[in-house]
Amino acid sequence: MTFEPIPLSEAGTGNKMRLTRIEVTGVMRRRLLDLGFVPGNEIEVLQKSPLGDPIAFRVNNTTIALRSEESSLIWGKRLGG
């Protein structure tokens, strides 16, 4: 069972994802890479705000909230069933 990569903004709460690519550029890209948003890393979608923005993710035992503007540029494959 393989899953196609989707933007993190479309992942459901509770999904675990394996990052495949990051299309964010500039200073924000460097910051995200430093925080662990690196292709191959596993992240978990913790919680979405009532209006869907921002979204809380867990990466490297740290909780990070991203706006959909950024999370729509980070792609990953869903892990598990």
N, C-alpha and C. Protein backbone atom coordinates (compact mmCIF):
# COMPACT_ATOMS: atom_id res chain seq x y z
N MET A 1 0.85 -1.17 0.00
CA MET A 1 0.00 0.00 0.00
C MET A 1 0.90 1.25 0.00
N THR A 2 0.88 1.99 -1.10
CA THR A 2 1.68 3.21 -1.17
C THR A 2 0.76 4.41 -1.22
N PHE A 3 1.21 5.48 -0.66
CA PHE A 3 0.45 6.71 -0.65
C PHE A 3 1.19 7.75 -1.46
N GLU A 4 0.45 8.51 -2.24
CA GLU A 4 1.03 9.61 -3.00
C GLU A 4 1.35 10.77 -2.06
N PRO A 5 2.40 11.52 -2.35
CA PRO A 5 2.69 12.70 -1.52
C PRO A 5 1.56 13.72 -1.59
N ILE A 6 1.25 14.31 -0.45
CA ILE A 6 0.25 15.38 -0.36
C ILE A 6 0.85 16.53 0.44
N PRO A 7 0.31 17.73 0.26
CA PRO A 7 0.79 18.84 1.11
C PRO A 7 0.37 18.59 2.55
N LEU A 8 1.20 19.01 3.49
CA LEU A 8 0.87 18.81 4.91
C LEU A 8 -0.43 19.51 5.28
N SER A 9 -0.78 20.58 4.58
CA SER A 9 -2.02 21.30 4.88
C SER A 9 -3.25 20.43 4.63
N GLU A 10 -3.12 19.37 3.83
CA GLU A 10 -4.24 18.49 3.53
C GLU A 10 -4.25 17.22 4.39
N ALA A 11 -3.23 17.01 5.19
CA ALA A 11 -3.15 15.82 6.03
C ALA A 11 -4.14 15.94 7.19
N GLY A 12 -4.72 14.82 7.57
CA GLY A 12 -5.68 14.82 8.66
C GLY A 12 -5.02 14.79 10.03
N THR A 13 -5.74 15.27 11.03
CA THR A 13 -5.26 15.24 12.40
C THR A 13 -4.96 13.80 12.80
N GLY A 14 -3.81 13.59 13.42
CA GLY A 14 -3.40 12.25 13.84
C GLY A 14 -2.57 11.52 12.82
N ASN A 15 -2.52 12.01 11.57
CA ASN A 15 -1.71 11.35 10.53
C ASN A 15 -0.23 11.51 10.83
N LYS A 16 0.51 10.44 10.56
CA LYS A 16 1.97 10.51 10.59
C LYS A 16 2.43 10.54 9.14
N MET A 17 3.38 11.43 8.88
CA MET A 17 3.83 11.65 7.51
C MET A 17 5.35 11.53 7.43
N ARG A 18 5.83 11.04 6.29
CA ARG A 18 7.27 11.04 5.98
C ARG A 18 7.46 12.14 4.94
N LEU A 19 8.25 13.16 5.30
CA LEU A 19 8.44 14.30 4.41
C LEU A 19 9.18 13.88 3.14
N THR A 20 8.69 14.39 1.99
CA THR A 20 9.32 14.06 0.71
C THR A 20 9.98 15.27 0.07
N ARG A 21 9.37 16.46 0.21
CA ARG A 21 10.02 17.65 -0.34
C ARG A 21 9.48 18.91 0.32
N ILE A 22 10.33 19.96 0.25
CA ILE A 22 9.98 21.25 0.83
C ILE A 22 10.17 22.30 -0.25
N GLU A 23 9.09 23.01 -0.57
CA GLU A 23 9.14 24.02 -1.63
C GLU A 23 9.20 25.44 -1.06
N VAL A 24 9.33 25.57 0.26
CA VAL A 24 9.45 26.87 0.90
C VAL A 24 10.83 27.42 0.55
N THR A 25 10.94 28.74 0.37
CA THR A 25 12.22 29.34 0.00
C THR A 25 12.65 30.37 1.03
N GLY A 26 13.88 30.81 0.89
CA GLY A 26 14.39 31.92 1.68
C GLY A 26 14.65 31.57 3.14
N VAL A 27 14.50 32.60 3.99
CA VAL A 27 14.78 32.47 5.41
C VAL A 27 13.87 31.43 6.06
N MET A 28 12.61 31.38 5.65
CA MET A 28 11.67 30.41 6.23
C MET A 28 12.12 28.98 5.94
N ARG A 29 12.66 28.72 4.75
CA ARG A 29 13.15 27.38 4.42
C ARG A 29 14.26 26.99 5.39
N ARG A 30 15.23 27.89 5.60
CA ARG A 30 16.33 27.60 6.51
C ARG A 30 15.82 27.31 7.92
N ARG A 31 14.87 28.10 8.37
CA ARG A 31 14.30 27.92 9.71
C ARG A 31 13.60 26.56 9.82
N LEU A 32 12.80 26.20 8.82
CA LEU A 32 12.09 24.91 8.85
C LEU A 32 13.08 23.74 8.83
N LEU A 33 14.12 23.84 8.01
CA LEU A 33 15.13 22.78 7.99
C LEU A 33 15.80 22.65 9.35
N ASP A 34 16.11 23.77 9.98
CA ASP A 34 16.73 23.74 11.32
C ASP A 34 15.81 23.10 12.35
N LEU A 35 14.49 23.27 12.19
CA LEU A 35 13.53 22.71 13.13
C LEU A 35 13.26 21.22 12.90
N GLY A 36 13.74 20.67 11.78
CA GLY A 36 13.57 19.25 11.52
C GLY A 36 12.66 18.92 10.35
N PHE A 37 12.16 19.92 9.64
CA PHE A 37 11.34 19.67 8.45
C PHE A 37 12.28 19.36 7.28
N VAL A 38 12.87 18.15 7.35
CA VAL A 38 13.86 17.70 6.38
C VAL A 38 13.28 16.49 5.67
N PRO A 39 13.41 16.42 4.33
CA PRO A 39 12.93 15.22 3.62
C PRO A 39 13.47 13.95 4.26
N GLY A 40 12.58 13.00 4.49
CA GLY A 40 12.93 11.74 5.15
C GLY A 40 12.51 11.71 6.61
N ASN A 41 12.36 12.87 7.23
CA ASN A 41 11.94 12.94 8.63
C ASN A 41 10.45 12.60 8.75
N GLU A 42 10.09 12.07 9.92
CA GLU A 42 8.69 11.75 10.20
C GLU A 42 8.08 12.87 11.04
N ILE A 43 6.87 13.28 10.68
CA ILE A 43 6.15 14.28 11.47
C ILE A 43 4.74 13.76 11.73
N GLU A 44 4.10 14.35 12.74
CA GLU A 44 2.73 13.98 13.08
C GLU A 44 1.88 15.25 13.08
N VAL A 45 0.69 15.14 12.51
CA VAL A 45 -0.26 16.25 12.53
C VAL A 45 -1.00 16.18 13.86
N LEU A 46 -0.78 17.15 14.73
CA LEU A 46 -1.35 17.11 16.07
C LEU A 46 -2.75 17.71 16.13
N GLN A 47 -2.91 18.89 15.56
CA GLN A 47 -4.18 19.60 15.74
C GLN A 47 -4.33 20.68 14.68
N LYS A 48 -5.56 20.86 14.23
CA LYS A 48 -5.88 21.96 13.32
C LYS A 48 -6.77 22.95 14.05
N SER A 49 -6.55 24.22 13.82
CA SER A 49 -7.41 25.24 14.40
C SER A 49 -8.81 25.10 13.82
N PRO A 50 -9.83 25.64 14.51
CA PRO A 50 -11.20 25.52 14.01
C PRO A 50 -11.36 26.00 12.56
N LEU A 51 -10.65 27.02 12.17
CA LEU A 51 -10.74 27.51 10.79
C LEU A 51 -9.66 26.89 9.90
N GLY A 52 -8.87 25.96 10.44
CA GLY A 52 -7.88 25.24 9.65
C GLY A 52 -6.52 25.91 9.55
N ASP A 53 -6.34 27.03 10.22
CA ASP A 53 -5.08 27.75 10.11
C ASP A 53 -4.78 28.44 11.43
N PRO A 54 -3.71 28.18 12.14
CA PRO A 54 -2.59 27.31 11.77
C PRO A 54 -2.84 25.84 12.12
N ILE A 55 -1.85 25.01 11.78
CA ILE A 55 -1.88 23.58 12.05
C ILE A 55 -0.67 23.27 12.93
N ALA A 56 -0.88 22.46 13.97
CA ALA A 56 0.21 22.07 14.87
C ALA A 56 0.79 20.72 14.43
N PHE A 57 2.11 20.68 14.33
CA PHE A 57 2.83 19.46 13.94
C PHE A 57 3.83 19.11 15.03
N ARG A 58 4.12 17.80 15.14
CA ARG A 58 5.19 17.35 16.03
C ARG A 58 6.33 16.83 15.14
N VAL A 59 7.50 17.41 15.35
CA VAL A 59 8.70 16.98 14.63
C VAL A 59 9.85 17.00 15.64
N ASN A 60 10.59 15.91 15.72
CA ASN A 60 11.70 15.78 16.67
C ASN A 60 11.29 16.13 18.10
N ASN A 61 10.14 15.62 18.54
CA ASN A 61 9.62 15.85 19.90
C ASN A 61 9.37 17.32 20.21
N THR A 62 9.15 18.13 19.19
CA THR A 62 8.83 19.54 19.34
C THR A 62 7.52 19.82 18.63
N THR A 63 6.67 20.64 19.24
CA THR A 63 5.42 21.03 18.60
C THR A 63 5.62 22.37 17.91
N ILE A 64 5.25 22.41 16.64
CA ILE A 64 5.43 23.60 15.82
C ILE A 64 4.13 23.88 15.08
N ALA A 65 3.67 25.13 15.14
CA ALA A 65 2.46 25.53 14.40
C ALA A 65 2.88 26.26 13.14
N LEU A 66 2.29 25.85 12.02
CA LEU A 66 2.57 26.50 10.73
C LEU A 66 1.26 26.98 10.11
N ARG A 67 1.34 28.10 9.43
CA ARG A 67 0.19 28.57 8.67
C ARG A 67 0.03 27.69 7.43
N SER A 68 -1.18 27.65 6.89
CA SER A 68 -1.40 26.82 5.71
C SER A 68 -0.58 27.32 4.52
N GLU A 69 -0.25 28.59 4.54
CA GLU A 69 0.62 29.17 3.50
C GLU A 69 1.94 28.39 3.41
N GLU A 70 2.52 28.05 4.58
CA GLU A 70 3.77 27.29 4.59
C GLU A 70 3.53 25.79 4.46
N SER A 71 2.54 25.28 5.20
CA SER A 71 2.34 23.82 5.21
C SER A 71 1.87 23.30 3.85
N SER A 72 1.31 24.16 3.02
CA SER A 72 0.89 23.72 1.68
C SER A 72 2.09 23.56 0.75
N LEU A 73 3.26 24.03 1.16
CA LEU A 73 4.48 23.92 0.36
C LEU A 73 5.41 22.82 0.86
N ILE A 74 4.95 22.06 1.87
CA ILE A 74 5.73 20.95 2.41
C ILE A 74 4.94 19.67 2.11
N TRP A 75 5.59 18.74 1.43
CA TRP A 75 4.92 17.53 0.95
C TRP A 75 5.41 16.30 1.70
N GLY A 76 4.50 15.34 1.90
CA GLY A 76 4.89 14.10 2.56
C GLY A 76 3.95 12.96 2.20
N LYS A 77 4.40 11.76 2.50
CA LYS A 77 3.57 10.56 2.30
C LYS A 77 3.05 10.10 3.64
N ARG A 78 1.78 9.73 3.67
CA ARG A 78 1.16 9.26 4.90
C ARG A 78 1.74 7.88 5.24
N LEU A 79 2.01 7.67 6.52
CA LEU A 79 2.53 6.38 7.00
C LEU A 79 1.40 5.58 7.63
N GLY A 80 1.49 4.28 7.54
CA GLY A 80 0.52 3.43 8.23
C GLY A 80 -0.81 3.34 7.51
N GLY A 81 -1.83 2.85 8.26
CA GLY A 81 -3.12 2.59 7.64
C GLY A 81 -4.13 3.60 7.82
